Protein backbone atom coordinates (compact mmCIF):
# COMPACT_ATOMS: atom_id res chain seq x y z
CA UNK A 1 -212.68 63.01 39.07
CA UNK A 2 -210.95 59.54 39.13
CA UNK A 3 -213.27 56.61 39.49
CA UNK A 4 -212.90 52.91 40.02
CA UNK A 5 -211.78 51.08 36.95
CA UNK A 6 -214.34 48.91 35.12
CA UNK A 7 -212.29 45.76 35.50
CA UNK A 8 -212.36 44.91 39.19
CA UNK A 9 -209.01 44.11 40.85
CA UNK A 10 -208.57 42.75 44.33
CA UNK A 11 -206.50 45.81 45.27
CA UNK A 12 -207.50 49.44 45.44
CA UNK A 13 -205.34 52.55 46.15
CA UNK A 14 -207.68 55.12 47.66
CA UNK A 15 -206.15 58.63 47.42
CA UNK A 16 -207.56 61.30 49.69
CA UNK A 17 -206.72 64.93 48.78
CA UNK A 18 -206.38 67.90 51.14
CA UNK A 19 -208.78 70.55 52.38
CA UNK A 20 -210.34 72.39 49.40
CA UNK A 21 -208.02 70.49 47.04
CA UNK A 22 -209.24 68.02 44.42
CA UNK A 23 -208.51 64.76 42.62
CA UNK A 24 -206.73 66.92 40.04
CA UNK A 25 -203.92 67.68 42.52
CA UNK A 26 -200.36 67.08 41.40
CA UNK A 27 -199.64 64.18 43.72
CA UNK A 28 -202.91 62.49 42.93
CA UNK A 29 -202.25 62.65 39.20
CA UNK A 30 -198.71 61.43 39.62
CA UNK A 31 -199.87 58.29 41.48
CA UNK A 32 -202.67 57.60 39.05
CA UNK A 33 -200.39 57.89 36.03
CA UNK A 34 -197.67 55.79 37.67
CA UNK A 35 -200.14 53.04 38.47
CA UNK A 36 -201.56 53.01 34.97
CA UNK A 37 -198.02 52.46 33.58
CA UNK A 38 -196.40 50.29 36.24
CA UNK A 39 -199.07 48.68 38.37
CA UNK A 40 -202.26 48.03 36.38
CA UNK A 41 -203.11 45.30 38.87
CA UNK A 42 -204.00 48.05 41.33
CA UNK A 43 -207.28 49.97 41.02
CA UNK A 44 -207.22 53.71 41.74
CA UNK A 45 -209.89 55.92 43.24
CA UNK A 46 -209.64 59.59 44.19
CA UNK A 47 -213.04 60.91 45.27
CA UNK A 48 -213.80 64.55 45.56
CA UNK A 49 -213.95 65.10 49.32
CA UNK A 50 -216.55 67.47 50.82
CA UNK A 51 -215.22 70.18 53.04
CA UNK A 52 -217.99 69.12 55.58
CA UNK A 53 -216.54 66.36 57.82
CA UNK A 54 -219.82 64.42 58.29
CA UNK A 55 -220.39 64.32 54.50
CA UNK A 56 -216.74 63.48 53.79
CA UNK A 57 -216.58 60.57 56.21
CA UNK A 58 -219.90 59.12 55.09
CA UNK A 59 -218.83 59.10 51.48
CA UNK A 60 -215.37 57.61 52.20
CA UNK A 61 -216.93 54.89 54.34
CA UNK A 62 -219.19 54.00 51.37
CA UNK A 63 -216.13 53.54 49.13
CA UNK A 64 -214.49 51.30 51.68
CA UNK A 65 -217.56 49.25 52.38
CA UNK A 66 -218.43 48.74 48.66
CA UNK A 67 -214.96 47.61 47.46
CA UNK A 68 -214.50 43.87 47.64
CA UNK A 69 -210.71 43.53 47.98
CA UNK A 70 -207.65 44.96 49.67
CA UNK A 71 -207.50 48.66 50.17
CA UNK A 72 -204.48 50.88 50.64
CA UNK A 73 -204.75 54.55 51.62
CA UNK A 74 -202.75 57.62 50.59
CA UNK A 75 -203.74 60.87 52.19
CA UNK A 76 -202.28 64.36 51.90
CA UNK A 77 -202.78 67.15 54.46
CA UNK A 78 -206.48 66.84 55.63
CA UNK A 79 -206.63 63.74 53.53
CA UNK A 80 -203.92 62.29 55.75
CA UNK A 81 -206.25 62.76 58.67
CA UNK A 82 -209.08 60.96 56.91
CA UNK A 83 -206.75 58.24 55.79
CA UNK A 84 -205.76 57.60 59.41
CA UNK A 85 -209.37 57.63 60.46
CA UNK A 86 -210.27 54.90 57.93
CA UNK A 87 -207.09 52.97 58.75
CA UNK A 88 -208.07 52.87 62.42
CA UNK A 89 -211.62 51.94 61.71
CA UNK A 90 -210.84 49.19 59.24
CA UNK A 91 -207.29 48.09 60.11
CA UNK A 92 -205.87 49.33 56.84
CA UNK A 93 -202.39 50.51 55.77
CA UNK A 94 -201.89 54.14 54.98
CA UNK A 95 -199.27 56.52 53.68
CA UNK A 96 -199.81 59.99 55.06
CA UNK A 97 -198.10 62.96 53.38
CA UNK A 98 -197.60 66.14 55.44
CA UNK A 99 -200.79 65.17 57.28
CA UNK A 100 -203.04 67.37 59.36
CA UNK A 101 -203.02 65.91 62.90
CA UNK A 102 -205.43 68.37 64.53
CA UNK A 103 -207.53 69.78 61.64
CA UNK A 104 -210.16 71.13 64.09
CA UNK A 105 -207.69 73.85 65.10
CA UNK A 106 -207.74 75.68 61.80
CA UNK A 107 -211.35 75.13 60.82
CA UNK A 108 -212.88 77.95 63.01
CA UNK A 109 -211.09 80.53 60.90
CA UNK A 110 -213.11 79.40 57.89
CA UNK A 111 -216.54 79.25 59.56
CA UNK A 112 -219.01 81.44 57.65
CA UNK A 113 -216.43 82.30 54.98
CA UNK A 114 -217.28 81.56 51.29
CA UNK A 115 -215.02 78.68 50.19
CA UNK A 116 -214.41 77.75 46.61
CA UNK A 117 -212.55 74.38 46.12
CA UNK A 118 -209.56 74.23 43.82
CA UNK A 119 -211.47 71.59 41.80
CA UNK A 120 -213.03 74.34 39.74
CA UNK A 121 -216.51 73.71 41.10
CA UNK A 122 -218.86 76.63 40.83
CA UNK A 123 -220.55 75.59 44.09
CA UNK A 124 -219.67 77.64 47.12
CA UNK A 125 -219.17 76.11 50.54
CA UNK A 126 -219.51 77.63 54.03
CA UNK A 127 -218.34 75.78 57.09
CA UNK A 128 -220.48 75.99 60.24
CA UNK A 129 -219.85 75.55 63.93
CA UNK A 130 -221.40 72.10 63.62
CA UNK A 131 -218.62 71.19 61.12
CA UNK A 132 -215.95 72.08 63.70
CA UNK A 133 -217.78 70.02 66.37
CA UNK A 134 -217.98 67.12 64.02
CA UNK A 135 -214.22 67.32 63.28
CA UNK A 136 -213.41 67.53 66.98
CA UNK A 137 -215.41 64.36 67.50
CA UNK A 138 -213.48 62.59 64.71
CA UNK A 139 -210.23 63.68 66.22
CA UNK A 140 -211.22 62.01 69.55
CA UNK A 141 -211.60 58.77 67.58
CA UNK A 142 -207.92 58.70 66.77
CA UNK A 143 -206.63 57.38 70.10
CA UNK A 144 -202.99 56.40 70.63
CA UNK A 145 -201.55 53.90 70.25
CA UNK A 146 -202.51 53.59 66.65
CA UNK A 147 -203.77 50.24 65.36
CA UNK A 148 -203.17 50.83 61.70
CA UNK A 149 -199.98 50.48 59.70
CA UNK A 150 -198.52 53.78 58.58
CA UNK A 151 -195.75 55.47 56.63
CA UNK A 152 -195.31 59.19 57.37
CA UNK A 153 -193.84 61.30 54.60
CA UNK A 154 -193.14 64.84 55.68
CA UNK A 155 -190.98 67.83 54.85
CA UNK A 156 -189.76 70.29 57.50
CA UNK A 157 -190.22 73.09 55.06
CA UNK A 158 -193.99 72.64 55.16
CA UNK A 159 -195.34 76.26 55.39
CA UNK A 160 -198.81 75.12 56.46
CA UNK A 161 -198.36 72.44 59.14
CA UNK A 162 -195.73 71.78 61.76
CA UNK A 163 -194.30 68.36 60.87
CA UNK A 164 -193.18 67.84 64.45
CA UNK A 165 -196.75 67.20 65.40
CA UNK A 166 -196.94 64.45 62.81
CA UNK A 167 -193.67 62.96 63.92
CA UNK A 168 -194.90 62.71 67.45
CA UNK A 169 -198.39 61.38 66.49
CA UNK A 170 -196.98 58.69 64.28
CA UNK A 171 -194.09 57.71 66.61
CA UNK A 172 -193.19 54.12 66.21
CA UNK A 173 -194.45 53.95 62.66
CA UNK A 174 -192.31 54.20 59.55
CA UNK A 175 -191.24 57.78 58.92
CA UNK A 176 -189.41 59.62 56.19
CA UNK A 177 -188.74 63.26 57.27
CA UNK A 178 -186.91 65.51 54.82
CA UNK A 179 -185.36 68.91 55.33
CA UNK A 180 -186.65 71.73 53.16
CA UNK A 181 -189.57 71.11 50.85
CA UNK A 182 -193.07 72.51 51.29
CA UNK A 183 -196.65 71.58 52.10
CA UNK A 184 -197.12 70.12 48.64
CA UNK A 185 -194.15 67.75 49.30
CA UNK A 186 -191.54 68.43 46.65
CA UNK A 187 -190.29 65.41 44.71
CA UNK A 188 -193.28 63.21 45.53
CA UNK A 189 -192.69 61.27 42.29
CA UNK A 190 -189.58 59.70 43.88
CA UNK A 191 -191.84 57.68 46.21
CA UNK A 192 -194.61 56.31 43.93
CA UNK A 193 -193.04 52.85 43.64
CA UNK A 194 -192.18 52.60 47.29
CA UNK A 195 -195.63 53.77 48.36
CA UNK A 196 -197.36 51.02 46.30
CA UNK A 197 -194.93 48.39 47.56
CA UNK A 198 -195.58 49.48 51.16
CA UNK A 199 -199.35 49.20 50.68
CA UNK A 200 -199.62 46.04 48.48
CA UNK A 201 -196.18 44.47 48.15
CA UNK A 202 -194.19 44.10 44.98
CA UNK A 203 -195.90 43.18 41.74
CA UNK A 204 -195.95 39.43 41.04
CA UNK A 205 -193.81 38.35 38.09
CA UNK A 206 -196.80 36.75 36.40
CA UNK A 207 -199.16 39.68 36.92
């Protein structure tokens, strides 16, 4: 799992992975590696997010509250939902990649089923009806119009989520919608520099 760097910087990119994914996901590693090479002035954190909404939001709130500096958010799929939630609560900027707009819709299908995260954890998870209720409550928090500053990255070939919902939800915000692609967002590496510039601005010459 990626943690905060030991040398504190005034800027943090907080990456939020999708449902049952992990900080080892392809997009997460691409951003972390790109920052290490090109923007060492920006800290990186990619916590392992619990499948349980109450636990997930509590842990993410702790990261935001403890960091003393500017925070920019990148969230993929379910992580896009959590990024939006944090952006609305704290007035942050967020890049959302093929985001889940109404995650409570698909959660009932997983209730009671054994879930093994892609992180390689041996621990097994089981969602409950209370988890679905918690997610519905979080969805009600995201009221339009949005207060945060967003950039939607989506591909119409997403086999998991209908990107038209995200287009409508983030209407009026910056949007890049591509034909083809998939839920993982093919060619994500093309956007690393632009994402960091959107969240924090360009690197100062003397940095």
